[in-house]
Amino acid sequence: MTDVMNVTRLLQIIAAYGAAPIRWPAEERAAAQAFLARTVTMGAPAERQMLQEAMAEADDIDGALSGFDARVPDAALARLTAAVAFPPARAAVRETRFDLFSVFHMIFKPAAALGATMAALGLFVGFSVDPAYSSGDGSDYTVAQSADAAFSALGQENGDGVP
């Protein structure tokens, strides 16, 4: 039995176990009840007010919780609750083997995915660009012709030997 009781410990007990002394820990119950009685009658006003507020709040919570029925209405619901709360252990993860087939997949699967992505991107860009641009004067010319014009304006060759 704990002979020394203070306001902090009594507030912890009230918060954890509620306002009913029957629920308080047996080894601290007598000391807590004596300290509560002594503080309420002769204690400092601040301590008295803290304990009265804590007891009132705990009493409200106790009253609200006492209205709930703790019985499980159905055995199936109990099994479902237990299955959700305590899921079965997962099967052990299979060790990774390093044989030719797994190495092939580790190397070529990402490369194939990258190649397919790049091919799709190339098709998208290829079909979305119009090869003929208009100069605004009614004469259409192609991208190659515009590149030739740009190179000749710079005074460079475009690689065909044509200035």
C-alpha atoms as a PDB file:
ATOM      1  CA  MET A   1       0.000   0.000   0.000  1.00  0.00           C
ATOM      2  CA  THR A   2       1.309   3.419  -0.929  1.00  0.00           C
ATOM      3  CA  ASP A   3       1.165   5.801   1.998  1.00  0.00           C
ATOM      4  CA  VAL A   4       2.265   8.839   0.025  1.00  0.00           C
ATOM      5  CA  MET A   5      -0.362  10.222  -2.315  1.00  0.00           C
ATOM      6  CA  ASN A   6      -0.241  13.536  -4.113  1.00  0.00           C
ATOM      7  CA  VAL A   7      -2.552  15.462  -6.422  1.00  0.00           C
ATOM      8  CA  THR A   8      -0.695  14.473  -9.573  1.00  0.00           C
ATOM      9  CA  ARG A   9      -0.938  10.746  -8.843  1.00  0.00           C
ATOM     10  CA  LEU A  10      -4.594  11.014  -7.807  1.00  0.00           C
ATOM     11  CA  LEU A  11      -5.411  12.868 -11.037  1.00  0.00           C
ATOM     12  CA  GLN A  12      -3.652  10.098 -12.991  1.00  0.00           C
ATOM     13  CA  ILE A  13      -5.690   7.438 -11.193  1.00  0.00           C
ATOM     14  CA  ILE A  14      -8.960   9.296 -11.821  1.00  0.00           C
ATOM     15  CA  ALA A  15      -8.105   9.787 -15.500  1.00  0.00           C
ATOM     16  CA  ALA A  16      -7.128   6.158 -15.977  1.00  0.00           C
ATOM     17  CA  TYR A  17      -9.696   4.308 -13.856  1.00  0.00           C
ATOM     18  CA  GLY A  18     -12.634   6.678 -13.562  1.00  0.00           C
ATOM     19  CA  ALA A  19     -14.445   8.278 -10.658  1.00  0.00           C
ATOM     20  CA  ALA A  20     -15.561   5.095  -8.886  1.00  0.00           C
ATOM     21  CA  PRO A  21     -12.996   4.122  -6.216  1.00  0.00           C
ATOM     22  CA  ILE A  22     -13.908   0.440  -6.666  1.00  0.00           C
ATOM     23  CA  ARG A  23     -12.080   0.532 -10.032  1.00  0.00           C
ATOM     24  CA  TRP A  24      -8.934   2.154  -8.633  1.00  0.00           C
ATOM     25  CA  PRO A  25      -5.864  -0.056  -8.004  1.00  0.00           C
ATOM     26  CA  ALA A  26      -6.308  -1.944  -4.731  1.00  0.00           C
ATOM     27  CA  GLU A  27      -2.828  -1.073  -3.438  1.00  0.00           C
ATOM     28  CA  GLU A  28      -3.478   2.667  -3.838  1.00  0.00           C
ATOM     29  CA  ARG A  29      -7.220   2.803  -3.183  1.00  0.00           C
ATOM     30  CA  ALA A  30      -7.148   3.524   0.551  1.00  0.00           C
ATOM     31  CA  ALA A  31      -4.465   6.210   0.289  1.00  0.00           C
ATOM     32  CA  ALA A  32      -6.229   7.813  -2.692  1.00  0.00           C
ATOM     33  CA  GLN A  33      -9.616   7.888  -0.935  1.00  0.00           C
ATOM     34  CA  ALA A  34      -8.064   9.363   2.217  1.00  0.00           C
ATOM     35  CA  PHE A  35      -6.170  11.993   0.228  1.00  0.00           C
ATOM     36  CA  LEU A  36      -9.289  12.870  -1.780  1.00  0.00           C
ATOM     37  CA  ALA A  37     -11.397  13.282   1.363  1.00  0.00           C
ATOM     38  CA  ARG A  38      -8.715  15.325   3.100  1.00  0.00           C
ATOM     39  CA  THR A  39      -8.155  17.578   0.055  1.00  0.00           C
ATOM     40  CA  VAL A  40     -11.846  18.195  -0.588  1.00  0.00           C
ATOM     41  CA  THR A  41     -12.468  19.231   3.035  1.00  0.00           C
ATOM     42  CA  MET A  42      -9.234  21.000   4.014  1.00  0.00           C
ATOM     43  CA  GLY A  43      -7.069  21.265   0.871  1.00  0.00           C
ATOM     44  CA  ALA A  44      -5.926  24.272  -1.037  1.00  0.00           C
ATOM     45  CA  PRO A  45      -8.656  25.822  -3.183  1.00  0.00           C
ATOM     46  CA  ALA A  46      -6.728  25.193  -6.425  1.00  0.00           C
ATOM     47  CA  GLU A  47      -6.201  21.487  -5.606  1.00  0.00           C
ATOM     48  CA  ARG A  48      -9.809  21.147  -4.471  1.00  0.00           C
ATOM     49  CA  GLN A  49     -11.093  22.639  -7.714  1.00  0.00           C
ATOM     50  CA  MET A  50      -8.800  20.441  -9.870  1.00  0.00           C
ATOM     51  CA  LEU A  51      -9.941  17.269  -8.092  1.00  0.00           C
ATOM     52  CA  GLN A  52     -13.627  18.218  -8.225  1.00  0.00           C
ATOM     53  CA  GLU A  53     -13.397  18.952 -11.952  1.00  0.00           C
ATOM     54  CA  ALA A  54     -11.506  15.695 -12.595  1.00  0.00           C
ATOM     55  CA  MET A  55     -14.058  13.680 -10.598  1.00  0.00           C
ATOM     56  CA  ALA A  56     -16.983  15.372 -12.401  1.00  0.00           C
ATOM     57  CA  GLU A  57     -15.439  14.713 -15.823  1.00  0.00           C
ATOM     58  CA  ALA A  58     -14.621  11.098 -14.946  1.00  0.00           C
ATOM     59  CA  ASP A  59     -18.155  10.627 -13.607  1.00  0.00           C
ATOM     60  CA  ASP A  60     -19.591  11.909 -16.897  1.00  0.00           C
ATOM     61  CA  ILE A  61     -17.386   9.523 -18.865  1.00  0.00           C
ATOM     62  CA  ASP A  62     -18.310   6.626 -16.564  1.00  0.00           C
ATOM     63  CA  GLY A  63     -22.002   7.396 -17.083  1.00  0.00           C
ATOM     64  CA  ALA A  64     -21.609   7.492 -20.857  1.00  0.00           C
ATOM     65  CA  LEU A  65     -19.642   4.240 -20.946  1.00  0.00           C
ATOM     66  CA  SER A  66     -22.038   2.409 -18.650  1.00  0.00           C
ATOM     67  CA  GLY A  67     -24.784   2.715 -21.282  1.00  0.00           C
ATOM     68  CA  PHE A  68     -22.916   0.449 -23.717  1.00  0.00           C
ATOM     69  CA  ASP A  69     -23.584  -3.269 -23.872  1.00  0.00           C
ATOM     70  CA  ALA A  70     -20.345  -5.240 -24.002  1.00  0.00           C
ATOM     71  CA  ARG A  71     -21.922  -8.478 -25.222  1.00  0.00           C
ATOM     72  CA  VAL A  72     -21.247  -9.615 -28.783  1.00  0.00           C
ATOM     73  CA  PRO A  73     -24.582 -10.113 -30.536  1.00  0.00           C
ATOM     74  CA  ASP A  74     -23.492 -12.830 -32.921  1.00  0.00           C
ATOM     75  CA  ALA A  75     -20.786 -15.500 -33.028  1.00  0.00           C
ATOM     76  CA  ALA A  76     -20.109 -14.711 -36.703  1.00  0.00           C
ATOM     77  CA  LEU A  77     -19.530 -11.066 -35.828  1.00  0.00           C
ATOM     78  CA  ALA A  78     -17.115 -12.152 -33.101  1.00  0.00           C
ATOM     79  CA  ARG A  79     -15.171 -14.293 -35.594  1.00  0.00           C
ATOM     80  CA  LEU A  80     -15.095 -11.440 -38.096  1.00  0.00           C
ATOM     81  CA  THR A  81     -13.883  -8.997 -35.466  1.00  0.00           C
ATOM     82  CA  ALA A  82     -11.193 -11.426 -34.343  1.00  0.00           C
ATOM     83  CA  ALA A  83     -10.117 -12.009 -37.952  1.00  0.00           C
ATOM     84  CA  VAL A  84      -9.774  -8.296 -38.581  1.00  0.00           C
ATOM     85  CA  ALA A  85      -8.068  -7.573 -35.269  1.00  0.00           C
ATOM     86  CA  PHE A  86      -5.709 -10.555 -35.457  1.00  0.00           C
ATOM     87  CA  PRO A  87      -5.018 -11.410 -39.102  1.00  0.00           C
ATOM     88  CA  PRO A  88      -3.288 -14.714 -39.816  1.00  0.00           C
ATOM     89  CA  ALA A  89       0.445 -14.652 -40.249  1.00  0.00           C
ATOM     90  CA  ARG A  90       1.574 -14.249 -43.830  1.00  0.00           C
ATOM     91  CA  ALA A  91       3.335 -17.062 -45.587  1.00  0.00           C
ATOM     92  CA  ALA A  92       7.094 -16.855 -45.633  1.00  0.00           C
ATOM     93  CA  VAL A  93       8.484 -15.006 -48.616  1.00  0.00           C
ATOM     94  CA  ARG A  94      10.150 -17.297 -51.110  1.00  0.00           C
ATOM     95  CA  GLU A  95      13.862 -16.787 -51.498  1.00  0.00           C
ATOM     96  CA  THR A  96      14.948 -15.139 -54.733  1.00  0.00           C
ATOM     97  CA  ARG A  97      16.757 -17.510 -57.035  1.00  0.00           C
ATOM     98  CA  PHE A  98      19.501 -16.252 -59.288  1.00  0.00           C
ATOM     99  CA  ASP A  99      19.286 -18.500 -62.298  1.00  0.00           C
ATOM    100  CA  LEU A 100      19.360 -17.595 -65.977  1.00  0.00           C
ATOM    101  CA  PHE A 101      15.599 -17.016 -66.186  1.00  0.00           C
ATOM    102  CA  SER A 102      15.466 -14.613 -63.223  1.00  0.00           C
ATOM    103  CA  VAL A 103      18.528 -12.705 -64.444  1.00  0.00           C
ATOM    104  CA  PHE A 104      16.901 -12.397 -67.876  1.00  0.00           C
ATOM    105  CA  HIS A 105      13.786 -10.920 -66.299  1.00  0.00           C
ATOM    106  CA  MET A 106      15.714  -8.584 -64.021  1.00  0.00           C
ATOM    107  CA  ILE A 107      17.672  -7.134 -66.940  1.00  0.00           C
ATOM    108  CA  PHE A 108      15.384  -7.268 -69.959  1.00  0.00           C
ATOM    109  CA  LYS A 109      11.979  -6.499 -68.438  1.00  0.00           C
ATOM    110  CA  PRO A 110      12.894  -2.905 -67.534  1.00  0.00           C
ATOM    111  CA  ALA A 111      14.712  -2.488 -70.862  1.00  0.00           C
ATOM    112  CA  ALA A 112      11.665  -3.752 -72.787  1.00  0.00           C
ATOM    113  CA  ALA A 113       9.395  -1.414 -70.842  1.00  0.00           C
ATOM    114  CA  LEU A 114      11.695   1.523 -71.602  1.00  0.00           C
ATOM    115  CA  GLY A 115      11.834   0.580 -75.289  1.00  0.00           C
ATOM    116  CA  ALA A 116       8.048   0.315 -75.530  1.00  0.00           C
ATOM    117  CA  THR A 117       7.658   3.675 -73.829  1.00  0.00           C
ATOM    118  CA  MET A 118      10.123   5.337 -76.163  1.00  0.00           C
ATOM    119  CA  ALA A 119       8.460   3.776 -79.232  1.00  0.00           C
ATOM    120  CA  ALA A 120       5.054   5.047 -78.096  1.00  0.00           C
ATOM    121  CA  LEU A 121       6.508   8.497 -77.480  1.00  0.00           C
ATOM    122  CA  GLY A 122       8.124   8.492 -80.944  1.00  0.00           C
ATOM    123  CA  LEU A 123       4.865   7.498 -82.593  1.00  0.00           C
ATOM    124  CA  PHE A 124       3.001  10.199 -80.707  1.00  0.00           C
ATOM    125  CA  VAL A 125       5.471  12.924 -81.648  1.00  0.00           C
ATOM    126  CA  GLY A 126       5.768  11.638 -85.230  1.00  0.00           C
ATOM    127  CA  PHE A 127       2.045  11.724 -85.846  1.00  0.00           C
ATOM    128  CA  SER A 128       1.447  15.002 -84.050  1.00  0.00           C
ATOM    129  CA  VAL A 129       3.987  17.115 -85.993  1.00  0.00           C
ATOM    130  CA  ASP A 130       2.799  18.441 -89.339  1.00  0.00           C
ATOM    131  CA  PRO A 131       5.585  17.980 -91.923  1.00  0.00           C
ATOM    132  CA  ALA A 132       4.495  20.931 -94.046  1.00  0.00           C
ATOM    133  CA  TYR A 133       4.652  24.422 -92.626  1.00  0.00           C
ATOM    134  CA  SER A 134       3.140  27.452 -94.250  1.00  0.00           C
ATOM    135  CA  SER A 135       5.253  30.531 -94.815  1.00  0.00           C
ATOM    136  CA  GLY A 136       2.198  32.762 -94.883  1.00  0.00           C
ATOM    137  CA  ASP A 137       2.446  33.655 -98.564  1.00  0.00           C
ATOM    138  CA  GLY A 138       0.657  30.530 -99.788  1.00  0.00           C
ATOM    139  CA  SER A 139       3.747  28.501-100.626  1.00  0.00           C
ATOM    140  CA  ASP A 140       4.113  25.443 -98.420  1.00  0.00           C
ATOM    141  CA  TYR A 141       7.486  23.943 -97.794  1.00  0.00           C
ATOM    142  CA  THR A 142       8.647  20.954 -95.781  1.00  0.00           C
ATOM    143  CA  VAL A 143      10.757  20.739 -92.685  1.00  0.00           C
ATOM    144  CA  ALA A 144      13.753  19.683 -94.775  1.00  0.00           C
ATOM    145  CA  GLN A 145      13.380  22.710 -97.016  1.00  0.00           C
ATOM    146  CA  SER A 146      13.147  25.018 -94.003  1.00  0.00           C
ATOM    147  CA  ALA A 147      16.281  23.435 -92.527  1.00  0.00           C
ATOM    148  CA  ASP A 148      18.086  23.963 -95.838  1.00  0.00           C
ATOM    149  CA  ALA A 149      16.981  27.586 -95.817  1.00  0.00           C
ATOM    150  CA  ALA A 150      18.184  28.063 -92.238  1.00  0.00           C
ATOM    151  CA  PHE A 151      21.589  26.546 -93.004  1.00  0.00           C
ATOM    152  CA  SER A 152      22.038  28.607 -96.116  1.00  0.00           C
ATOM    153  CA  ALA A 153      21.103  31.745 -94.216  1.00  0.00           C
ATOM    154  CA  LEU A 154      23.868  30.976 -91.765  1.00  0.00           C
ATOM    155  CA  GLY A 155      26.291  30.332 -94.587  1.00  0.00           C
ATOM    156  CA  GLN A 156      26.855  26.723 -93.548  1.00  0.00           C
ATOM    157  CA  GLU A 157      26.479  23.460 -95.312  1.00  0.00           C
ATOM    158  CA  ASN A 158      23.745  21.105 -94.138  1.00  0.00           C
ATOM    159  CA  GLY A 159      25.785  17.972 -94.610  1.00  0.00           C
ATOM    160  CA  ASP A 160      24.763  17.292 -98.222  1.00  0.00           C
ATOM    161  CA  GLY A 161      27.480  19.524 -99.580  1.00  0.00           C
ATOM    162  CA  VAL A 162      24.890  22.087-100.537  1.00  0.00           C
ATOM    163  CA  PRO A 163      25.586  25.559 -99.150  1.00  0.00           C
END
